[in-house]
Amino acid sequence: ERAVGFSTPASRPIIETELARALRQQLSFDVE
């Protein structure tokens, strides 16, 4: 939660979506 909180408002949905997908599919991800 604290890590996601460092993201800008526009970036938060991206990191939240990627993290949820990675957890669900047990995959890594790489986003800027």
All heavy atoms as atom14 arrays in JSON, in Angstrom:
{
  "sequence": "ERAVGFSTPASRPIIETELARALRQQLSFDVE",
  "atom14_mask": [
    [1, 1, 1, 1, 1, 1, 1, 1, 1, 0, 0, 0, 0, 0],
    [1, 1, 1, 1, 1, 1, 1, 1, 1, 1, 1, 0, 0, 0],
    [1, 1, 1, 1, 1, 0, 0, 0, 0, 0, 0, 0, 0, 0],
    [1, 1, 1, 1, 1, 1, 1, 0, 0, 0, 0, 0, 0, 0],
    [1, 1, 1, 1, 0, 0, 0, 0, 0, 0, 0, 0, 0, 0],
    [1, 1, 1, 1, 1, 1, 1, 1, 1, 1, 1, 0, 0, 0],
    [1, 1, 1, 1, 1, 1, 0, 0, 0, 0, 0, 0, 0, 0],
    [1, 1, 1, 1, 1, 1, 1, 0, 0, 0, 0, 0, 0, 0],
    [1, 1, 1, 1, 1, 1, 1, 0, 0, 0, 0, 0, 0, 0],
    [1, 1, 1, 1, 1, 0, 0, 0, 0, 0, 0, 0, 0, 0],
    [1, 1, 1, 1, 1, 1, 0, 0, 0, 0, 0, 0, 0, 0],
    [1, 1, 1, 1, 1, 1, 1, 1, 1, 1, 1, 0, 0, 0],
    [1, 1, 1, 1, 1, 1, 1, 0, 0, 0, 0, 0, 0, 0],
    [1, 1, 1, 1, 1, 1, 1, 1, 0, 0, 0, 0, 0, 0],
    [1, 1, 1, 1, 1, 1, 1, 1, 0, 0, 0, 0, 0, 0],
    [1, 1, 1, 1, 1, 1, 1, 1, 1, 0, 0, 0, 0, 0],
    [1, 1, 1, 1, 1, 1, 1, 0, 0, 0, 0, 0, 0, 0],
    [1, 1, 1, 1, 1, 1, 1, 1, 1, 0, 0, 0, 0, 0],
    [1, 1, 1, 1, 1, 1, 1, 1, 0, 0, 0, 0, 0, 0],
    [1, 1, 1, 1, 1, 0, 0, 0, 0, 0, 0, 0, 0, 0],
    [1, 1, 1, 1, 1, 1, 1, 1, 1, 1, 1, 0, 0, 0],
    [1, 1, 1, 1, 1, 0, 0, 0, 0, 0, 0, 0, 0, 0],
    [1, 1, 1, 1, 1, 1, 1, 1, 0, 0, 0, 0, 0, 0],
    [1, 1, 1, 1, 1, 1, 1, 1, 1, 1, 1, 0, 0, 0],
    [1, 1, 1, 1, 1, 1, 1, 1, 1, 0, 0, 0, 0, 0],
    [1, 1, 1, 1, 1, 1, 1, 1, 1, 0, 0, 0, 0, 0],
    [1, 1, 1, 1, 1, 1, 1, 1, 0, 0, 0, 0, 0, 0],
    [1, 1, 1, 1, 1, 1, 0, 0, 0, 0, 0, 0, 0, 0],
    [1, 1, 1, 1, 1, 1, 1, 1, 1, 1, 1, 0, 0, 0],
    [1, 1, 1, 1, 1, 1, 1, 1, 0, 0, 0, 0, 0, 0],
    [1, 1, 1, 1, 1, 1, 1, 0, 0, 0, 0, 0, 0, 0],
    [1, 1, 1, 1, 1, 1, 1, 1, 1, 0, 0, 0, 0, 0]
  ],
  "atom14_positions": [
    [[0.83, -1.2, 0.0], [0.0, 0.0, 0.0], [0.87, 1.26, 0.0], [0.59, 2.22, -0.72], [-0.94, 0.0, 1.21], [-1.99, -1.09, 1.18], [-1.44, -2.46, 1.59], [-0.36, -2.56, 2.24], [-2.07, -3.47, 1.23], [0.0, 0.0, 0.0], [0.0, 0.0, 0.0], [0.0, 0.0, 0.0], [0.0, 0.0, 0.0], [0.0, 0.0, 0.0]],
    [[1.93, 1.26, 0.82], [2.8, 2.44, 0.88], [3.54, 2.62, -0.44], [3.73, 3.74, -0.9], [3.8, 2.3, 2.03], [3.13, 2.43, 3.39], [4.12, 2.22, 4.49], [4.71, 3.51, 4.89], [5.59, 3.65, 5.85], [6.02, 2.59, 6.53], [6.07, 4.83, 6.15], [0.0, 0.0, 0.0], [0.0, 0.0, 0.0], [0.0, 0.0, 0.0]],
    [[3.96, 1.51, -1.05], [4.68, 1.58, -2.33], [3.77, 2.14, -3.42], [4.18, 3.03, -4.18], [5.21, 0.21, -2.71], [0.0, 0.0, 0.0], [0.0, 0.0, 0.0], [0.0, 0.0, 0.0], [0.0, 0.0, 0.0], [0.0, 0.0, 0.0], [0.0, 0.0, 0.0], [0.0, 0.0, 0.0], [0.0, 0.0, 0.0], [0.0, 0.0, 0.0]],
    [[2.56, 1.64, -3.51], [1.61, 2.14, -4.5], [1.32, 3.61, -4.24], [1.15, 4.4, -5.17], [0.3, 1.3, -4.51], [-0.79, 1.96, -5.33], [0.58, -0.11, -5.02], [0.0, 0.0, 0.0], [0.0, 0.0, 0.0], [0.0, 0.0, 0.0], [0.0, 0.0, 0.0], [0.0, 0.0, 0.0], [0.0, 0.0, 0.0], [0.0, 0.0, 0.0]],
    [[1.33, 4.02, -2.99], [1.07, 5.4, -2.62], [2.1, 6.39, -3.17], [1.82, 7.57, -3.27], [0.0, 0.0, 0.0], [0.0, 0.0, 0.0], [0.0, 0.0, 0.0], [0.0, 0.0, 0.0], [0.0, 0.0, 0.0], [0.0, 0.0, 0.0], [0.0, 0.0, 0.0], [0.0, 0.0, 0.0], [0.0, 0.0, 0.0], [0.0, 0.0, 0.0]],
    [[3.28, 5.91, -3.55], [4.29, 6.79, -4.15], [3.95, 7.1, -5.6], [4.51, 8.03, -6.18], [5.68, 6.15, -4.09], [6.35, 6.26, -2.76], [6.38, 5.19, -1.89], [6.97, 7.44, -2.39], [7.02, 5.3, -0.66], [7.61, 7.56, -1.16], [7.63, 6.47, -0.29], [0.0, 0.0, 0.0], [0.0, 0.0, 0.0], [0.0, 0.0, 0.0]],
    [[3.08, 6.32, -6.21], [2.72, 6.54, -7.62], [1.86, 7.77, -7.77], [1.07, 8.11, -6.89], [1.94, 5.33, -8.16], [2.7, 4.16, -8.05], [0.0, 0.0, 0.0], [0.0, 0.0, 0.0], [0.0, 0.0, 0.0], [0.0, 0.0, 0.0], [0.0, 0.0, 0.0], [0.0, 0.0, 0.0], [0.0, 0.0, 0.0], [0.0, 0.0, 0.0]],
    [[1.99, 8.44, -8.91], [1.11, 9.57, -9.19], [-0.31, 9.05, -9.37], [-0.51, 7.86, -9.66], [1.56, 10.31, -10.47], [1.47, 9.41, -11.57], [2.96, 10.88, -10.33], [0.0, 0.0, 0.0], [0.0, 0.0, 0.0], [0.0, 0.0, 0.0], [0.0, 0.0, 0.0], [0.0, 0.0, 0.0], [0.0, 0.0, 0.0], [0.0, 0.0, 0.0]],
    [[-1.31, 9.89, -9.23], [-2.69, 9.44, -9.43], [-2.91, 8.76, -10.79], [-3.63, 7.76, -10.87], [-3.51, 10.72, -9.3], [-2.71, 11.56, -8.35], [-1.27, 11.28, -8.72], [0.0, 0.0, 0.0], [0.0, 0.0, 0.0], [0.0, 0.0, 0.0], [0.0, 0.0, 0.0], [0.0, 0.0, 0.0], [0.0, 0.0, 0.0], [0.0, 0.0, 0.0]],
    [[-2.26, 9.25, -11.83], [-2.42, 8.65, -13.15], [-1.74, 7.28, -13.24], [-2.16, 6.41, -14.01], [-1.85, 9.57, -14.23], [0.0, 0.0, 0.0], [0.0, 0.0, 0.0], [0.0, 0.0, 0.0], [0.0, 0.0, 0.0], [0.0, 0.0, 0.0], [0.0, 0.0, 0.0], [0.0, 0.0, 0.0], [0.0, 0.0, 0.0], [0.0, 0.0, 0.0]],
    [[-0.69, 7.06, -12.45], [0.05, 5.8, -12.48], [-0.55, 4.72, -11.6], [-0.33, 3.53, -11.82], [1.5, 6.03, -12.05], [2.18, 6.85, -12.96], [0.0, 0.0, 0.0], [0.0, 0.0, 0.0], [0.0, 0.0, 0.0], [0.0, 0.0, 0.0], [0.0, 0.0, 0.0], [0.0, 0.0, 0.0], [0.0, 0.0, 0.0], [0.0, 0.0, 0.0]],
    [[-1.3, 5.12, -10.57], [-1.83, 4.14, -9.61], [-2.66, 3.03, -10.24], [-2.44, 1.86, -9.93], [-2.64, 4.85, -8.53], [-1.82, 5.05, -7.32], [-2.57, 5.66, -6.16], [-1.59, 6.55, -5.55], [-1.79, 7.8, -5.25], [-2.96, 8.34, -5.42], [-0.82, 8.52, -4.76], [0.0, 0.0, 0.0], [0.0, 0.0, 0.0], [0.0, 0.0, 0.0]],
    [[-3.6, 3.33, -11.14], [-4.38, 2.24, -11.73], [-3.5, 1.26, -12.52], [-3.78, 0.06, -12.54], [-5.36, 2.94, -12.67], [-5.43, 4.34, -12.2], [-4.09, 4.63, -11.58], [0.0, 0.0, 0.0], [0.0, 0.0, 0.0], [0.0, 0.0, 0.0], [0.0, 0.0, 0.0], [0.0, 0.0, 0.0], [0.0, 0.0, 0.0], [0.0, 0.0, 0.0]],
    [[-2.43, 1.75, -13.12], [-1.54, 0.89, -13.89], [-0.82, -0.08, -12.97], [-0.82, -1.3, -13.21], [-0.52, 1.74, -14.69], [-1.25, 2.62, -15.7], [0.5, 0.84, -15.38], [-0.39, 3.71, -16.31], [0.0, 0.0, 0.0], [0.0, 0.0, 0.0], [0.0, 0.0, 0.0], [0.0, 0.0, 0.0], [0.0, 0.0, 0.0], [0.0, 0.0, 0.0]],
    [[-0.22, 0.42, -11.9], [0.52, -0.46, -10.99], [-0.42, -1.41, -10.27], [-0.11, -2.59, -10.07], [1.4, 0.34, -10.0], [2.34, -0.59, -9.22], [0.58, 1.15, -9.03], [3.42, -1.22, -10.01], [0.0, 0.0, 0.0], [0.0, 0.0, 0.0], [0.0, 0.0, 0.0], [0.0, 0.0, 0.0], [0.0, 0.0, 0.0], [0.0, 0.0, 0.0]],
    [[-1.61, -0.93, -9.9], [-2.57, -1.81, -9.23], [-3.03, -2.93, -10.15], [-3.13, -4.09, -9.73], [-3.76, -0.99, -8.72], [-3.4, -0.1, -7.55], [-4.47, 0.91, -7.19], [-5.38, 1.15, -8.0], [-4.36, 1.49, -6.09], [0.0, 0.0, 0.0], [0.0, 0.0, 0.0], [0.0, 0.0, 0.0], [0.0, 0.0, 0.0], [0.0, 0.0, 0.0]],
    [[-3.28, -2.62, -11.42], [-3.7, -3.64, -12.4], [-2.59, -4.64, -12.65], [-2.81, -5.85, -12.66], [-4.13, -2.96, -13.72], [-5.23, -2.11, -13.46], [-4.5, -3.99, -14.77], [0.0, 0.0, 0.0], [0.0, 0.0, 0.0], [0.0, 0.0, 0.0], [0.0, 0.0, 0.0], [0.0, 0.0, 0.0], [0.0, 0.0, 0.0], [0.0, 0.0, 0.0]],
    [[-1.37, -4.14, -12.85], [-0.23, -5.03, -13.12], [0.06, -5.92, -11.93], [0.34, -7.11, -12.09], [1.01, -4.22, -13.5], [0.94, -3.63, -14.87], [0.83, -4.69, -15.96], [1.61, -5.66, -15.95], [-0.05, -4.55, -16.83], [0.0, 0.0, 0.0], [0.0, 0.0, 0.0], [0.0, 0.0, 0.0], [0.0, 0.0, 0.0], [0.0, 0.0, 0.0]],
    [[0.01, -5.38, -10.74], [0.27, -6.16, -9.54], [-0.8, -7.24, -9.36], [-0.48, -8.4, -9.07], [0.34, -5.26, -8.31], [0.68, -5.92, -6.99], [2.01, -6.68, -7.06], [0.72, -4.89, -5.87], [0.0, 0.0, 0.0], [0.0, 0.0, 0.0], [0.0, 0.0, 0.0], [0.0, 0.0, 0.0], [0.0, 0.0, 0.0], [0.0, 0.0, 0.0]],
    [[-2.06, -6.88, -9.52], [-3.14, -7.86, -9.39], [-3.0, -8.98, -10.42], [-3.16, -10.16, -10.1], [-4.5, -7.17, -9.55], [0.0, 0.0, 0.0], [0.0, 0.0, 0.0], [0.0, 0.0, 0.0], [0.0, 0.0, 0.0], [0.0, 0.0, 0.0], [0.0, 0.0, 0.0], [0.0, 0.0, 0.0], [0.0, 0.0, 0.0], [0.0, 0.0, 0.0]],
    [[-2.66, -8.61, -11.66], [-2.47, -9.62, -12.71], [-1.3, -10.53, -12.37], [-1.37, -11.75, -12.49], [-2.24, -8.95, -14.06], [-2.11, -9.92, -15.23], [-1.73, -9.22, -16.54], [-0.45, -8.52, -16.46], [0.75, -9.12, -16.5], [0.84, -10.42, -16.6], [1.85, -8.39, -16.41], [0.0, 0.0, 0.0], [0.0, 0.0, 0.0], [0.0, 0.0, 0.0]],
    [[-0.2, -9.94, -11.92], [0.98, -10.72, -11.58], [0.7, -11.69, -10.45], [1.12, -12.85, -10.48], [2.13, -9.79, -11.21], [0.0, 0.0, 0.0], [0.0, 0.0, 0.0], [0.0, 0.0, 0.0], [0.0, 0.0, 0.0], [0.0, 0.0, 0.0], [0.0, 0.0, 0.0], [0.0, 0.0, 0.0], [0.0, 0.0, 0.0], [0.0, 0.0, 0.0]],
    [[-0.03, -11.24, -9.44], [-0.38, -12.11, -8.32], [-1.3, -13.24, -8.77], [-1.13, -14.39, -8.37], [-1.02, -11.31, -7.2], [-0.09, -10.32, -6.5], [-0.88, -9.46, -5.54], [1.04, -11.04, -5.79], [0.0, 0.0, 0.0], [0.0, 0.0, 0.0], [0.0, 0.0, 0.0], [0.0, 0.0, 0.0], [0.0, 0.0, 0.0], [0.0, 0.0, 0.0]],
    [[-2.28, -12.9, -9.6], [-3.25, -13.87, -10.08], [-2.58, -14.93, -10.95], [-2.85, -16.12, -10.83], [-4.35, -13.14, -10.84], [-5.57, -13.95, -11.18], [-6.69, -13.11, -11.8], [-6.25, -12.26, -12.91], [-6.12, -10.93, -12.87], [-6.37, -10.27, -11.76], [-5.71, -10.25, -13.92], [0.0, 0.0, 0.0], [0.0, 0.0, 0.0], [0.0, 0.0, 0.0]],
    [[-1.68, -14.51, -11.83], [-1.05, -15.41, -12.79], [0.34, -15.88, -12.34], [0.98, -16.63, -13.05], [-0.95, -14.73, -14.16], [-2.3, -14.4, -14.74], [-2.19, -13.62, -16.04], [-1.1, -13.37, -16.55], [-3.33, -13.23, -16.58], [0.0, 0.0, 0.0], [0.0, 0.0, 0.0], [0.0, 0.0, 0.0], [0.0, 0.0, 0.0], [0.0, 0.0, 0.0]],
    [[0.78, -15.41, -11.18], [2.1, -15.74, -10.63], [3.2, -15.42, -11.63], [4.05, -16.25, -11.95], [2.15, -17.19, -10.17], [1.18, -17.48, -9.07], [1.25, -18.89, -8.54], [2.07, -19.69, -8.96], [0.38, -19.21, -7.61], [0.0, 0.0, 0.0], [0.0, 0.0, 0.0], [0.0, 0.0, 0.0], [0.0, 0.0, 0.0], [0.0, 0.0, 0.0]],
    [[3.17, -14.18, -12.13], [4.15, -13.7, -13.1], [4.83, -12.45, -12.56], [4.29, -11.74, -11.73], [3.45, -13.34, -14.41], [2.7, -14.45, -15.14], [1.9, -13.86, -16.29], [3.69, -15.49, -15.64], [0.0, 0.0, 0.0], [0.0, 0.0, 0.0], [0.0, 0.0, 0.0], [0.0, 0.0, 0.0], [0.0, 0.0, 0.0], [0.0, 0.0, 0.0]],
    [[6.0, -12.17, -13.1], [6.64, -10.9, -12.8], [6.14, -9.86, -13.79], [5.45, -10.2, -14.76], [8.16, -11.03, -12.9], [8.53, -11.39, -14.2], [0.0, 0.0, 0.0], [0.0, 0.0, 0.0], [0.0, 0.0, 0.0], [0.0, 0.0, 0.0], [0.0, 0.0, 0.0], [0.0, 0.0, 0.0], [0.0, 0.0, 0.0], [0.0, 0.0, 0.0]],
    [[6.46, -8.6, -13.55], [6.09, -7.55, -14.5], [7.12, -6.44, -14.44], [7.89, -6.32, -13.5], [4.68, -7.02, -14.24], [4.5, -6.31, -12.93], [4.63, -4.93, -12.84], [4.19, -7.02, -11.79], [4.45, -4.28, -11.63], [4.01, -6.37, -10.57], [4.14, -5.0, -10.5], [0.0, 0.0, 0.0], [0.0, 0.0, 0.0], [0.0, 0.0, 0.0]],
    [[7.14, -5.65, -15.48], [8.09, -4.55, -15.59], [7.37, -3.36, -16.22], [6.96, -3.44, -17.39], [9.28, -4.98, -16.45], [10.33, -3.9, -16.59], [10.3, -2.91, -15.81], [11.19, -4.03, -17.46], [0.0, 0.0, 0.0], [0.0, 0.0, 0.0], [0.0, 0.0, 0.0], [0.0, 0.0, 0.0], [0.0, 0.0, 0.0], [0.0, 0.0, 0.0]],
    [[7.16, -2.32, -15.44], [6.52, -1.11, -15.95], [7.31, 0.09, -15.46], [7.97, 0.06, -14.43], [5.05, -0.97, -15.51], [4.18, -2.04, -16.09], [4.92, -0.95, -14.0], [0.0, 0.0, 0.0], [0.0, 0.0, 0.0], [0.0, 0.0, 0.0], [0.0, 0.0, 0.0], [0.0, 0.0, 0.0], [0.0, 0.0, 0.0], [0.0, 0.0, 0.0]],
    [[7.27, 1.16, -16.24], [7.88, 2.42, -15.83], [6.75, 3.38, -15.52], [5.87, 3.61, -16.34], [8.74, 2.98, -16.96], [10.02, 2.22, -17.16], [10.95, 2.91, -18.14], [10.98, 4.15, -18.18], [11.63, 2.18, -18.85], [0.0, 0.0, 0.0], [0.0, 0.0, 0.0], [0.0, 0.0, 0.0], [0.0, 0.0, 0.0], [0.0, 0.0, 0.0]]
  ]
}
